Protein backbone atom coordinates (compact mmCIF):
# COMPACT_ATOMS: atom_id res chain seq x y z
CA UNK A 1 -58.95 46.97 -21.10
CA UNK A 2 -59.40 46.86 -17.05
CA UNK A 3 -60.27 49.68 -15.08
CA UNK A 4 -57.26 48.65 -13.10
CA UNK A 5 -54.84 48.76 -16.15
CA UNK A 6 -56.41 51.84 -17.28
CA UNK A 7 -55.81 53.56 -14.26
CA UNK A 8 -52.36 52.61 -14.10
CA UNK A 9 -51.43 53.80 -17.59
CA UNK A 10 -53.17 57.11 -16.64
CA UNK A 11 -51.05 57.16 -13.38
CA UNK A 12 -47.60 56.36 -15.52
CA UNK A 13 -48.58 59.01 -17.75
CA UNK A 14 -48.86 61.87 -15.23
CA UNK A 15 -45.88 60.50 -13.90
CA UNK A 16 -43.75 61.50 -16.89
CA UNK A 17 -45.44 64.61 -17.71
CA UNK A 18 -44.17 65.65 -14.30
CA UNK A 19 -40.87 64.52 -14.97
CA UNK A 20 -40.66 66.38 -18.05
CA UNK A 21 -41.80 69.40 -16.49
CA UNK A 22 -39.14 69.07 -13.82
CA UNK A 23 -36.40 68.99 -16.50
CA UNK A 24 -37.70 71.76 -18.38
CA UNK A 25 -37.26 73.81 -14.78
CA UNK A 26 -33.73 72.64 -14.87
CA UNK A 27 -32.74 73.50 -18.23
CA UNK A 28 -34.31 76.99 -17.84
CA UNK A 29 -32.18 80.21 -16.56
CA UNK A 30 -30.51 79.76 -13.23
CA UNK A 31 -32.44 82.84 -12.14
CA UNK A 32 -34.98 85.39 -13.06
CA UNK A 33 -35.83 88.88 -12.16
CA UNK A 34 -38.98 89.06 -10.30
CA UNK A 35 -39.68 92.88 -11.47
CA UNK A 36 -43.16 93.47 -10.27
CA UNK A 37 -45.31 92.89 -13.13
CA UNK A 38 -46.31 95.93 -15.19
CA UNK A 39 -49.94 96.87 -16.47
CA UNK A 40 -50.86 95.64 -19.62
CA UNK A 41 -49.69 97.17 -23.32
CA UNK A 42 -53.31 98.57 -23.49
CA UNK A 43 -53.24 100.14 -19.52
CA UNK A 44 -49.66 101.33 -20.49
CA UNK A 45 -50.84 103.10 -23.87
CA UNK A 46 -53.84 104.88 -21.61
CA UNK A 47 -51.20 106.30 -19.30
CA UNK A 48 -48.88 107.26 -21.94
CA UNK A 49 -51.44 109.31 -23.71
CA UNK A 50 -52.33 111.25 -20.32
CA UNK A 51 -48.44 112.22 -19.85
CA UNK A 52 -47.38 115.60 -20.03
CA UNK A 53 -45.02 116.15 -23.44
CA UNK A 54 -42.34 118.70 -22.94
CA UNK A 55 -38.75 119.48 -23.31
CA UNK A 56 -36.45 117.98 -20.55
CA UNK A 57 -33.77 120.05 -18.27
CA UNK A 58 -31.12 118.79 -16.38
CA UNK A 59 -29.84 121.92 -14.65
CA UNK A 60 -28.92 121.26 -11.06
CA UNK A 61 -29.13 117.36 -11.09
CA UNK A 62 -27.11 115.52 -8.28
CA UNK A 63 -27.60 111.85 -7.90
CA UNK A 64 -26.96 112.73 -4.27
CA UNK A 65 -30.54 114.32 -4.39
CA UNK A 66 -32.01 110.67 -4.51
CA UNK A 67 -31.10 109.12 -1.13
CA UNK A 68 -30.86 105.20 -2.37
CA UNK A 69 -30.20 101.87 -0.94
CA UNK A 70 -32.09 102.50 2.01
CA UNK A 71 -32.62 99.97 5.00
CA UNK A 72 -35.59 97.97 4.02
CA UNK A 73 -35.44 95.28 6.71
CA UNK A 74 -33.26 94.43 9.31
CA UNK A 75 -29.48 94.67 8.12
CA UNK A 76 -30.81 94.67 4.25
CA UNK A 77 -30.55 97.79 2.38
CA UNK A 78 -32.64 98.21 -1.24
CA UNK A 79 -29.77 96.76 -3.42
CA UNK A 80 -29.36 93.73 -1.22
CA UNK A 81 -33.37 93.41 -1.22
CA UNK A 82 -33.59 93.33 -4.71
CA UNK A 83 -30.69 90.80 -5.15
CA UNK A 84 -32.71 88.45 -3.03
CA UNK A 85 -35.66 88.98 -4.61
CA UNK A 86 -33.91 88.54 -8.42
CA UNK A 87 -31.58 85.87 -8.04
CA UNK A 88 -32.01 82.04 -7.32
CA UNK A 89 -30.16 80.50 -4.20
CA UNK A 90 -28.87 83.12 -3.06
CA UNK A 91 -26.98 83.13 0.46
CA UNK A 92 -26.21 86.18 2.54
CA UNK A 93 -24.31 87.06 5.40
CA UNK A 94 -25.05 88.29 8.72
CA UNK A 95 -24.74 91.95 6.94
CA UNK A 96 -27.09 91.06 4.29
CA UNK A 97 -24.20 90.94 1.62
CA UNK A 98 -25.02 88.32 -1.01
CA UNK A 99 -22.08 85.59 -0.71
CA UNK A 100 -23.52 83.35 -3.28
CA UNK A 101 -26.31 82.60 -5.84
CA UNK A 102 -27.32 83.34 -9.55
CA UNK A 103 -28.78 85.88 -11.31
CA UNK A 104 -30.22 86.13 -14.67
CA UNK A 105 -30.51 89.66 -16.35
CA UNK A 106 -33.58 89.92 -18.78
CA UNK A 107 -32.02 93.06 -20.61
CA UNK A 108 -28.99 90.93 -22.13
CA UNK A 109 -29.75 87.17 -21.17
CA UNK A 110 -26.78 86.64 -19.41
CA UNK A 111 -26.55 84.67 -15.99
CA UNK A 112 -24.30 85.64 -13.38
CA UNK A 113 -23.14 83.87 -10.06
CA UNK A 114 -21.20 86.83 -8.27
CA UNK A 115 -23.19 89.67 -6.93
CA UNK A 116 -20.53 92.06 -8.12
CA UNK A 117 -21.38 91.30 -11.61
CA UNK A 118 -24.85 92.67 -11.52
CA UNK A 119 -26.21 96.17 -10.96
CA UNK A 120 -29.79 97.35 -9.81
CA UNK A 121 -31.06 99.20 -12.31
CA UNK A 122 -33.20 102.57 -11.69
CA UNK A 123 -35.59 101.39 -14.84
CA UNK A 124 -36.37 105.06 -15.29
CA UNK A 125 -33.09 106.58 -14.25
CA UNK A 126 -32.86 109.08 -11.42
CA UNK A 127 -31.14 111.77 -13.82
CA UNK A 128 -34.39 111.01 -16.41
CA UNK A 129 -36.42 111.77 -13.20
CA UNK A 130 -35.05 114.87 -12.65
CA UNK A 131 -35.55 116.13 -16.14
CA UNK A 132 -39.11 114.88 -16.12
CA UNK A 133 -40.33 116.74 -13.04
CA UNK A 134 -38.61 115.28 -9.97
CA UNK A 135 -36.21 118.49 -9.76
CA UNK A 136 -39.64 120.09 -7.83
CA UNK A 137 -39.80 117.11 -5.47
CA UNK A 138 -39.32 116.77 -1.54
CA UNK A 139 -35.88 114.72 -0.78
CA UNK A 140 -38.48 112.08 0.72
CA UNK A 141 -40.23 111.72 -2.59
CA UNK A 142 -37.20 111.24 -4.43
CA UNK A 143 -36.03 108.93 -2.02
CA UNK A 144 -39.12 106.85 -1.94
CA UNK A 145 -38.61 106.98 -6.02
CA UNK A 146 -34.73 105.79 -5.72
CA UNK A 147 -36.19 102.92 -3.50
CA UNK A 148 -39.29 101.53 -4.82
CA UNK A 149 -39.97 97.85 -4.71
CA UNK A 150 -43.75 98.32 -5.11
CA UNK A 151 -43.80 99.25 -8.52
CA UNK A 152 -41.71 97.69 -11.51
CA UNK A 153 -38.94 100.59 -11.42
CA UNK A 154 -36.10 98.16 -9.52
CA UNK A 155 -34.28 95.27 -11.32
CA UNK A 156 -30.92 93.11 -11.14
CA UNK A 157 -29.18 93.33 -14.50
CA UNK A 158 -25.74 92.66 -16.24
CA UNK A 159 -23.41 95.63 -14.60
CA UNK A 160 -21.84 96.68 -17.69
CA UNK A 161 -25.39 96.93 -19.63
CA UNK A 162 -26.86 99.04 -16.83
CA UNK A 163 -23.87 101.42 -17.15
CA UNK A 164 -24.06 101.38 -20.96
CA UNK A 165 -27.95 102.29 -20.40
CA UNK A 166 -26.93 105.26 -18.02
CA UNK A 167 -29.57 107.70 -18.04
CA UNK A 168 -31.13 107.02 -21.61
CA UNK A 169 -34.48 106.89 -22.34
CA UNK A 170 -36.38 104.46 -24.77
CA UNK A 171 -35.78 106.71 -27.61
CA UNK A 172 -31.95 106.10 -27.41
CA UNK A 173 -31.58 103.15 -25.52
CA UNK A 174 -33.34 99.60 -25.21
CA UNK A 175 -32.48 96.11 -24.13
CA UNK A 176 -30.45 93.92 -26.49
CA UNK A 177 -32.83 91.40 -25.50
CA UNK A 178 -36.11 91.88 -27.67
CA UNK A 179 -38.41 89.46 -25.93
CA UNK A 180 -38.02 91.80 -22.85
CA UNK A 181 -38.74 95.00 -24.72
CA UNK A 182 -42.66 95.13 -24.26
CA UNK A 183 -42.03 94.49 -20.46
CA UNK A 184 -39.62 97.27 -20.24
CA UNK A 185 -41.98 99.79 -22.12
CA UNK A 186 -44.69 98.67 -20.07
CA UNK A 187 -42.97 99.19 -17.01
CA UNK A 188 -41.43 102.49 -18.06
CA UNK A 189 -44.72 104.27 -18.75
CA UNK A 190 -46.32 102.75 -15.55
CA UNK A 191 -43.46 104.24 -13.25
CA UNK A 192 -43.62 107.87 -15.14
CA UNK A 193 -47.74 107.86 -14.73
CA UNK A 194 -47.25 106.87 -11.05
CA UNK A 195 -44.99 109.51 -10.23
CA UNK A 196 -46.33 112.38 -12.51
CA UNK A 197 -43.08 112.58 -14.75
CA UNK A 198 -43.36 113.71 -18.17
CA UNK A 199 -42.11 112.53 -21.33
CA UNK A 200 -40.01 114.55 -24.39
CA UNK A 201 -41.76 114.01 -28.03
CA UNK A 202 -38.76 111.53 -29.16
CA UNK A 203 -39.40 109.31 -25.99
CA UNK A 204 -43.28 109.24 -26.35
CA UNK A 205 -42.95 108.30 -29.84
CA UNK A 206 -40.34 105.69 -29.15
CA UNK A 207 -42.76 104.32 -26.37
CA UNK A 208 -45.57 104.52 -28.87
CA UNK A 209 -43.85 102.58 -31.36
CA UNK A 210 -42.78 99.91 -29.09
CA UNK A 211 -46.45 99.53 -27.46
CA UNK A 212 -48.01 99.01 -30.96
CA UNK A 213 -46.04 95.76 -31.09
CA UNK A 214 -46.85 94.53 -27.83
């Protein structure tokens, strides 16, 4: 075989490989949530071992004590920023409200084309944070927690799934999509560790069990 034909065959193979990859992309989810990558399972296990274990007390909790959906840039608040980050083909109006796009919810594997069908989940819920130490924080720190785009704390998900989760921790609620559970518990532990929040005994046991299989 001549060098010319060998090169020609290699070019054809490369082109076919690229075409196959492109087809794979189009057959995947319409959008994929872009949660900041959490720490590894090994690191999460180390973090979890260092967290204080104590009972929880929700006395005095009020969601308004966590100012949320603050302005992030221009006319965009935190919710709108996460919708743009986690969506695909998101179009916004002059007020930064999403008028179209596609959102893939990693909790349940559903894809939505209306922003009204999507909630921004606080992965570690605000009430859970209050129970775990945020009751002693300043309002400024609670605001930072409720609008944290740097840690894996905010995620666009199916609205009724988020509502069903409510303020539950991993001892009583986990994403129905098992493929996402390792990511979820790694993120949970990272957020609690970063903010110096405690865990209760049932929560710690559940986290340990899930992290053991990561």
